[in-house]
Amino acid sequence: MKTPVYIVDEACIRRNCAVLASVKERTGCKILLALKGFSMWPLFSTIGNFLDGVCASSPWEARLGREEFGGEVHAFAAAYSDDDFAQLLTLCDEIDFNSFAQFKRFFPLVEPDLRAGSNAPGGRVPPIKMGLRINPECSTQDHAIYDPCAPKSRLGITRDQFDGENLDGISGLHFHTLCEQNADALETTLKAVEEKFGEFLPQMEWVNFGGGHHITREDYDIDLLCKLINDFKAKYGVQVILEPGEAVALNAGMLITTVLDIVHNEMDIAILDISCTCHMPDVMEMPYRPVVTGAGEPNEKAHTYRLAGLSCLAGDVIGDWSFEQQLKIGDPLIFEDMAHYTMVKTSFFNGIQHPAIAIQRGDKIETVREFGYEDYKGRLS
């Protein structure tokens, strides 16, 4: 195929979703697709057969979920503007707030029919549920940039801020503390949630355990996850919600690139037709080291190369890998597990050609989106 291109395997998406559906079946929980991690809407019809809906972080994500997914739409953002909230009211089944100030500002603007549902002529209007995001102040990970419980975090309401507040209108609590973690991290977090917020849980209708659950990873402890959910539901009588993004698309996609040139500066450096900063930014931010098909660790195989991007950013470097054979100009390379947190975070920096997007269905690969100059130009004015 012409490169660069992202290819997402529908069978892998379906397999991941089947695992998530088994958790739903064993626990009665709801599972939502976190659009911030994976929002490739041509596959929503497949994912929607297994999951209950989507969670959004903006009106545009919420609108995409409402128009293309067909299930529930939940929203959370660190703050809402007047315009954003007005749009979300027309799109969402649930809206969660990051502070009491935001809840007090916007809740009075919600029409009574939307608060409680209405049997007015023309059909029932479903109620919009309102929730609060809490911060249990319990860090279970080492990546500070992805830790909502880090000191001075802007995300979530700490326990001390609940003192003296009225929870009328709030039907649930929401926490999100994990990132690519197993069920033992959730177990630790739940203990902190109960310790700090346990007095409020019996009056809630639902509790959202957030995302970051690596449920579809081979070593994930699904039995422990189901036990934690079932025990929590039995103790507090609440609906439990999960909202993974990465778990839906884990190991389901690849980014195929071509070697454009090979230069030497203390080591061989292969320049590719992609950019790390433009097309795989988690490699820099996480940091995350993808698997390259057929390659090994540096010096493990006969020929070691630094794989680098096309942009003018000096640090546009993906990493070092080794190969059995020398790389040549024109060779294709495959970066694996490139479905989640890739397409949703790409940019047109330097005007570099954006990878096409394709879906693999069985033996056939269908290109569903290609990008051209007008896409780049249209982002700028």
Protein backbone atom coordinates (compact mmCIF):
# COMPACT_ATOMS: atom_id res chain seq x y z
CA MET A 1 0.00 0.00 0.00
CA LYS A 2 0.96 3.60 -0.42
CA THR A 3 2.41 4.85 2.85
CA PRO A 4 2.03 6.27 5.39
CA VAL A 5 -1.18 4.57 6.48
CA TYR A 6 -2.91 3.49 9.67
CA ILE A 7 -4.62 0.11 9.33
CA VAL A 8 -7.10 -1.02 11.99
CA ASP A 9 -8.16 -4.66 12.08
CA GLU A 10 -11.90 -4.94 12.66
CA ALA A 11 -11.54 -8.52 13.93
CA CYS A 12 -9.19 -7.34 16.67
CA ILE A 13 -11.63 -4.59 17.67
CA ARG A 14 -14.41 -7.18 17.82
CA ARG A 15 -12.25 -9.51 19.91
CA ASN A 16 -11.43 -6.76 22.42
CA CYS A 17 -15.08 -5.75 22.64
CA ALA A 18 -16.11 -9.36 23.27
CA VAL A 19 -13.81 -9.40 26.31
CA LEU A 20 -15.38 -6.19 27.57
CA ALA A 21 -18.86 -7.59 26.94
CA SER A 22 -17.99 -10.61 29.08
CA VAL A 23 -17.24 -8.23 31.98
CA LYS A 24 -20.64 -6.59 31.44
CA GLU A 25 -22.33 -9.99 31.46
CA ARG A 26 -20.60 -11.08 34.69
CA THR A 27 -21.22 -7.85 36.59
CA GLY A 28 -24.10 -5.90 35.03
CA CYS A 29 -21.85 -2.85 34.73
CA LYS A 30 -22.01 -0.38 31.86
CA ILE A 31 -18.97 0.09 29.63
CA LEU A 32 -18.48 3.18 27.48
CA LEU A 33 -15.95 3.88 24.74
CA ALA A 34 -13.68 6.77 25.72
CA LEU A 35 -13.51 8.80 22.53
CA LYS A 36 -10.34 10.56 23.67
CA GLY A 37 -8.51 7.27 23.13
CA PHE A 38 -10.19 5.95 20.00
CA SER A 39 -12.81 7.72 17.92
CA MET A 40 -12.58 6.02 14.53
CA TRP A 41 -16.30 6.29 13.85
CA PRO A 42 -16.52 3.94 10.83
CA LEU A 43 -16.05 1.15 13.40
CA PHE A 44 -18.71 2.43 15.81
CA SER A 45 -21.30 0.09 14.32
CA THR A 46 -19.08 -2.84 15.33
CA ILE A 47 -18.24 -1.51 18.80
CA GLY A 48 -21.85 -0.53 19.44
CA ASN A 49 -22.88 -4.19 19.30
CA PHE A 50 -20.94 -4.73 22.55
CA LEU A 51 -20.73 -1.47 24.53
CA ASP A 52 -23.35 0.89 25.99
CA GLY A 53 -22.21 4.21 24.56
CA VAL A 54 -19.41 6.76 24.66
CA CYS A 55 -17.84 9.23 27.03
CA ALA A 56 -16.84 12.60 25.63
CA SER A 57 -14.61 15.47 26.74
CA SER A 58 -16.07 18.15 24.48
CA PRO A 59 -19.20 19.02 22.49
CA TRP A 60 -17.59 17.79 19.29
CA GLU A 61 -16.83 14.38 20.78
CA ALA A 62 -20.34 14.25 22.25
CA ARG A 63 -21.87 15.11 18.89
CA LEU A 64 -19.81 12.42 17.17
CA GLY A 65 -21.00 9.89 19.72
CA ARG A 66 -24.62 10.96 19.40
CA GLU A 67 -24.62 10.97 15.60
CA GLU A 68 -22.56 7.87 14.90
CA PHE A 69 -22.55 5.50 17.92
CA GLY A 70 -26.20 5.24 18.83
CA GLY A 71 -25.89 4.57 22.57
CA GLU A 72 -25.58 6.70 25.69
CA VAL A 73 -23.43 9.83 25.68
CA HIS A 74 -21.65 10.87 28.89
CA ALA A 75 -19.46 13.95 29.22
CA PHE A 76 -16.73 15.24 31.50
CA ALA A 77 -14.40 18.20 31.07
CA ALA A 78 -12.18 20.14 33.45
CA ALA A 79 -14.48 23.12 32.84
CA TYR A 80 -17.39 24.10 30.58
CA SER A 81 -18.01 27.38 28.83
CA ASP A 82 -21.56 28.67 28.46
CA ASP A 83 -21.61 27.64 24.79
CA ASP A 84 -20.15 24.19 25.49
CA PHE A 85 -22.68 23.44 28.21
CA ALA A 86 -25.60 24.58 26.07
CA GLN A 87 -24.49 22.19 23.32
CA LEU A 88 -23.92 19.31 25.73
CA LEU A 89 -27.46 19.65 27.08
CA THR A 90 -28.74 18.73 23.62
CA LEU A 91 -26.39 15.76 23.25
CA CYS A 92 -25.77 14.03 26.59
CA ASP A 93 -27.43 11.56 28.93
CA GLU A 94 -25.02 12.45 31.73
CA ILE A 95 -22.76 15.42 32.45
CA ASP A 96 -20.08 15.33 35.17
CA PHE A 97 -18.56 18.41 36.77
CA ASN A 98 -15.01 19.02 37.95
CA SER A 99 -15.94 21.47 40.72
CA PHE A 100 -18.85 22.53 42.87
CA ALA A 101 -18.53 26.00 41.34
CA GLN A 102 -19.25 24.65 37.86
CA PHE A 103 -22.15 22.54 39.12
CA LYS A 104 -23.72 25.52 40.91
CA ARG A 105 -23.22 27.71 37.86
CA PHE A 106 -24.86 25.41 35.35
CA PHE A 107 -27.40 23.26 37.19
CA PRO A 108 -29.93 26.11 37.58
CA LEU A 109 -29.85 26.53 33.78
CA VAL A 110 -31.08 22.99 33.22
CA GLU A 111 -34.79 22.92 32.46
CA PRO A 112 -36.84 21.01 35.08
CA ASP A 113 -37.98 18.54 32.41
CA LEU A 114 -34.37 17.65 31.69
CA ARG A 115 -33.57 17.26 35.37
CA ALA A 116 -36.24 14.70 36.14
CA GLY A 117 -37.68 13.59 32.80
CA SER A 118 -41.08 14.61 31.52
CA ASN A 119 -44.22 12.93 30.28
CA ALA A 120 -45.22 16.04 28.40
CA PRO A 121 -47.09 15.69 25.09
CA GLY A 122 -44.81 14.58 22.31
CA GLY A 123 -43.13 11.85 24.30
CA ARG A 124 -41.04 11.42 27.39
CA VAL A 125 -37.94 13.57 27.73
CA PRO A 126 -35.20 11.48 29.39
CA PRO A 127 -33.53 13.08 32.38
CA ILE A 128 -29.95 14.30 32.17
CA LYS A 129 -27.97 12.89 35.07
CA MET A 130 -25.48 15.13 36.83
CA GLY A 131 -22.33 13.89 38.56
CA LEU A 132 -19.16 15.08 40.25
CA ARG A 133 -15.63 13.96 39.50
CA ILE A 134 -13.79 13.17 42.72
CA ASN A 135 -10.08 12.99 43.45
CA PRO A 136 -9.30 10.19 45.96
CA GLU A 137 -5.70 11.47 46.21
CA CYS A 138 -4.35 7.98 45.62
CA SER A 139 -1.59 7.69 43.00
CA THR A 140 -0.93 4.20 41.65
CA GLN A 141 1.31 5.00 38.67
CA ASP A 142 4.67 6.51 37.79
CA HIS A 143 3.68 8.71 34.83
CA ALA A 144 3.10 12.14 36.38
CA ILE A 145 1.69 13.59 33.16
CA TYR A 146 -1.09 10.96 33.26
CA ASP A 147 -1.68 10.97 37.03
CA PRO A 148 -4.90 12.80 37.99
CA CYS A 149 -4.02 12.28 41.66
CA ALA A 150 -0.61 13.96 41.47
CA PRO A 151 -0.01 16.88 43.85
CA LYS A 152 -1.74 20.08 42.72
CA SER A 153 -3.82 18.15 40.16
CA ARG A 154 -6.56 20.19 38.50
CA LEU A 155 -8.75 17.10 38.01
CA GLY A 156 -11.35 16.00 40.53
CA ILE A 157 -12.80 17.35 43.78
CA THR A 158 -10.90 16.42 46.94
CA ARG A 159 -12.75 15.27 50.06
CA ASP A 160 -12.21 18.49 52.02
CA GLN A 161 -14.12 20.45 49.38
CA PHE A 162 -17.30 18.43 50.08
CA ASP A 163 -17.70 19.89 53.57
CA GLY A 164 -20.82 22.03 53.78
CA GLU A 165 -21.90 21.35 50.17
CA ASN A 166 -25.41 20.32 49.11
CA LEU A 167 -25.53 17.27 46.81
CA ASP A 168 -29.13 17.78 45.67
CA GLY A 169 -29.19 17.19 41.90
CA ILE A 170 -26.12 14.95 41.98
CA SER A 171 -26.89 11.33 41.14
CA GLY A 172 -23.38 9.90 40.87
CA LEU A 173 -19.65 10.21 41.44
CA HIS A 174 -16.89 9.76 38.90
CA PHE A 175 -13.21 9.04 39.46
CA HIS A 176 -10.48 8.37 36.92
CA THR A 177 -7.05 7.56 38.34
CA LEU A 178 -5.58 4.75 36.21
CA CYS A 179 -3.46 4.55 33.05
CA GLU A 180 -2.67 1.22 31.36
CA GLN A 181 -3.05 -0.59 34.69
CA ASN A 182 -4.26 -3.92 36.04
CA ALA A 183 -7.12 -4.59 38.45
CA ASP A 184 -4.85 -4.45 41.51
CA ALA A 185 -4.47 -0.69 40.95
CA LEU A 186 -8.25 -0.36 40.88
CA GLU A 187 -8.46 -2.33 44.12
CA THR A 188 -6.07 0.13 45.77
CA THR A 189 -8.02 3.09 44.39
CA LEU A 190 -11.38 1.75 45.56
CA LYS A 191 -10.09 1.49 49.12
CA ALA A 192 -9.14 5.18 48.98
CA VAL A 193 -12.50 6.11 47.45
CA GLU A 194 -14.39 4.30 50.18
CA GLU A 195 -12.20 5.74 52.91
CA LYS A 196 -12.62 9.34 51.74
CA PHE A 197 -16.07 9.35 50.10
CA GLY A 198 -17.81 6.31 51.58
CA GLU A 199 -20.38 8.40 53.46
CA PHE A 200 -21.75 9.75 50.16
CA LEU A 201 -21.88 6.48 48.21
CA PRO A 202 -25.18 5.08 49.58
CA GLN A 203 -27.07 8.12 48.29
CA MET A 204 -25.70 7.73 44.76
CA GLU A 205 -27.37 6.04 41.81
CA TRP A 206 -24.15 5.30 39.95
CA VAL A 207 -20.37 5.44 40.32
CA ASN A 208 -18.07 5.77 37.31
CA PHE A 209 -14.72 3.98 37.76
CA GLY A 210 -13.23 5.91 34.82
CA GLY A 211 -10.74 4.55 32.32
CA GLY A 212 -7.17 3.31 32.25
CA HIS A 213 -8.27 -0.30 32.82
CA HIS A 214 -6.11 -2.48 30.53
CA ILE A 215 -8.82 -5.14 30.46
CA THR A 216 -7.96 -6.65 27.07
CA ARG A 217 -4.28 -7.14 27.89
CA GLU A 218 -3.29 -10.81 28.12
CA ASP A 219 -2.23 -10.67 31.79
CA TYR A 220 -5.16 -8.55 33.01
CA ASP A 221 -6.93 -10.02 36.06
CA ILE A 222 -10.52 -10.03 34.83
CA ASP A 223 -11.69 -12.18 37.73
CA LEU A 224 -10.48 -9.58 40.23
CA LEU A 225 -12.08 -6.77 38.23
CA CYS A 226 -15.45 -8.54 38.24
CA LYS A 227 -15.19 -9.26 41.97
CA LEU A 228 -14.42 -5.61 42.72
CA ILE A 229 -17.37 -4.42 40.65
CA ASN A 230 -19.81 -6.95 42.10
CA ASP A 231 -18.71 -6.31 45.69
CA PHE A 232 -19.00 -2.55 45.22
CA LYS A 233 -22.45 -2.83 43.68
CA ALA A 234 -23.68 -5.13 46.44
CA LYS A 235 -22.32 -2.89 49.20
CA TYR A 236 -23.66 0.44 47.92
CA GLY A 237 -26.50 -0.48 45.56
CA VAL A 238 -25.12 1.58 42.67
CA GLN A 239 -24.69 1.11 38.93
CA VAL A 240 -20.98 0.84 38.07
CA ILE A 241 -19.67 2.41 34.86
CA LEU A 242 -16.30 1.85 33.16
CA GLU A 243 -15.00 3.97 30.32
CA PRO A 244 -11.91 2.41 28.71
CA GLY A 245 -10.54 3.77 25.46
CA GLU A 246 -7.26 1.98 24.98
CA ALA A 247 -8.69 -1.43 25.93
CA VAL A 248 -11.12 -1.21 23.01
CA ALA A 249 -8.36 -0.72 20.43
CA LEU A 250 -5.41 -2.44 22.12
CA ASN A 251 -3.21 -4.27 19.60
CA ALA A 252 -5.79 -3.62 16.88
CA GLY A 253 -3.89 -1.31 14.54
CA MET A 254 -0.60 -0.62 12.83
CA LEU A 255 1.15 2.32 11.21
CA ILE A 256 2.98 1.40 8.01
CA THR A 257 5.82 3.65 6.89
CA THR A 258 8.62 3.68 4.31
CA VAL A 259 12.34 4.38 4.68
CA LEU A 260 13.13 7.56 2.73
CA ASP A 261 16.84 7.92 3.50
CA ILE A 262 19.61 6.57 5.71
CA VAL A 263 22.14 8.97 7.20
CA HIS A 264 25.05 8.36 9.56
CA ASN A 265 26.07 10.34 12.65
CA GLU A 266 27.81 8.00 15.09
CA MET A 267 25.15 5.44 14.11
CA ASP A 268 22.88 4.69 11.16
CA ILE A 269 19.67 6.74 11.18
CA ALA A 270 16.69 5.80 9.00
CA ILE A 271 14.49 8.75 8.03
CA LEU A 272 10.87 7.62 7.57
CA ASP A 273 7.88 9.13 5.77
CA ILE A 274 6.13 9.71 9.11
CA SER A 275 6.79 11.98 12.06
CA CYS A 276 6.89 10.92 15.68
CA THR A 277 5.62 14.28 16.91
CA CYS A 278 2.87 14.42 14.25
CA HIS A 279 1.68 10.83 14.02
CA MET A 280 2.68 8.93 17.17
CA PRO A 281 3.00 11.60 19.90
CA ASP A 282 2.53 9.16 22.79
CA VAL A 283 6.01 7.85 21.98
CA MET A 284 7.27 11.22 23.21
CA GLU A 285 4.69 11.97 25.89
CA MET A 286 4.22 8.64 27.64
CA PRO A 287 7.00 7.63 26.80
CA TYR A 288 5.86 4.59 24.85
CA ARG A 289 7.99 2.20 22.80
CA PRO A 290 6.02 0.45 20.06
CA VAL A 291 6.91 -2.93 18.62
CA VAL A 292 8.40 -2.83 15.12
CA THR A 293 7.53 -5.99 13.21
CA GLY A 294 10.62 -8.17 12.76
CA ALA A 295 12.91 -5.88 14.77
CA GLY A 296 14.68 -6.37 18.08
CA GLU A 297 16.23 -4.30 20.82
CA PRO A 298 19.36 -2.26 19.95
CA ASN A 299 22.30 -4.58 19.15
CA GLU A 300 20.15 -7.69 19.57
CA LYS A 301 20.25 -8.31 15.82
CA ALA A 302 23.01 -7.65 13.29
CA HIS A 303 22.14 -4.08 12.24
CA THR A 304 20.99 -1.33 14.62
CA TYR A 305 19.25 1.82 13.38
CA ARG A 306 17.73 4.88 14.91
CA LEU A 307 14.26 5.36 13.39
CA ALA A 308 13.45 9.03 13.00
CA GLY A 309 10.74 11.27 11.64
CA LEU A 310 10.48 13.63 8.73
CA SER A 311 9.86 16.93 10.54
CA CYS A 312 12.30 19.72 11.36
CA LEU A 313 11.97 19.05 15.11
CA ALA A 314 15.40 17.94 16.28
CA GLY A 315 13.82 15.51 18.72
CA ASP A 316 11.61 13.84 16.13
CA VAL A 317 13.09 10.45 17.00
CA ILE A 318 11.05 7.29 17.53
CA GLY A 319 13.80 5.11 18.98
CA ASP A 320 16.48 2.52 18.23
CA TRP A 321 15.81 -0.98 16.87
CA SER A 322 17.94 -3.73 15.33
CA PHE A 323 17.28 -5.81 12.21
CA GLU A 324 18.64 -9.04 10.73
CA GLN A 325 19.22 -7.36 7.36
CA GLN A 326 20.41 -3.89 6.50
CA LEU A 327 17.62 -1.42 5.83
CA LYS A 328 17.35 0.01 2.35
CA ILE A 329 15.65 3.09 0.97
CA GLY A 330 12.12 2.07 0.04
CA ASP A 331 11.80 -0.62 2.71
CA PRO A 332 8.43 -0.71 4.51
CA LEU A 333 8.35 -0.82 8.31
CA ILE A 334 5.37 -1.66 10.51
CA PHE A 335 4.79 -0.08 13.92
CA GLU A 336 2.36 -2.24 15.87
CA ASP A 337 -0.40 -1.26 18.36
CA MET A 338 -0.98 2.09 16.69
CA ALA A 339 -4.77 2.40 16.89
CA HIS A 340 -5.31 4.07 20.27
CA TYR A 341 -4.04 7.58 21.10
CA THR A 342 -2.64 8.01 17.58
CA MET A 343 -5.25 9.26 15.11
CA VAL A 344 -6.96 11.26 17.87
CA LYS A 345 -3.73 13.16 18.59
CA THR A 346 -2.16 13.70 15.18
CA SER A 347 -1.25 17.10 13.77
CA PHE A 348 -0.28 18.74 10.49
CA PHE A 349 2.94 20.22 11.89
CA ASN A 350 5.34 21.11 9.07
CA GLY A 351 2.58 20.28 6.59
CA ILE A 352 3.75 16.68 6.56
CA GLN A 353 1.50 14.24 4.70
CA HIS A 354 -1.01 12.81 7.15
CA PRO A 355 -1.29 8.99 7.08
CA ALA A 356 -4.34 7.58 5.37
CA ILE A 357 -6.78 5.54 7.49
CA ALA A 358 -7.81 2.03 6.49
CA ILE A 359 -9.83 -0.85 7.90
CA GLN A 360 -8.84 -4.48 7.50
CA ARG A 361 -11.84 -6.80 7.15
CA GLY A 362 -10.65 -10.35 6.68
CA ASP A 363 -8.23 -10.41 3.73
CA LYS A 364 -9.42 -7.07 2.38
CA ILE A 365 -8.12 -3.64 3.32
CA GLU A 366 -10.39 -0.67 2.65
CA THR A 367 -9.02 2.86 2.73
CA VAL A 368 -11.70 4.97 4.42
CA ARG A 369 -9.91 8.33 4.55
CA GLU A 370 -7.10 10.02 2.69
CA PHE A 371 -5.78 13.50 3.42
CA GLY A 372 -4.65 16.20 1.05
CA TYR A 373 -3.40 19.76 0.91
CA GLU A 374 -6.89 21.20 1.49
CA ASP A 375 -7.09 19.40 4.86
CA TYR A 376 -3.85 21.08 5.90
CA LYS A 377 -4.86 24.49 4.53
CA GLY A 378 -8.30 24.32 6.10
CA ARG A 379 -6.85 23.96 9.59
CA LEU A 380 -5.10 27.30 9.37
CA SER A 381 -7.82 29.75 8.30
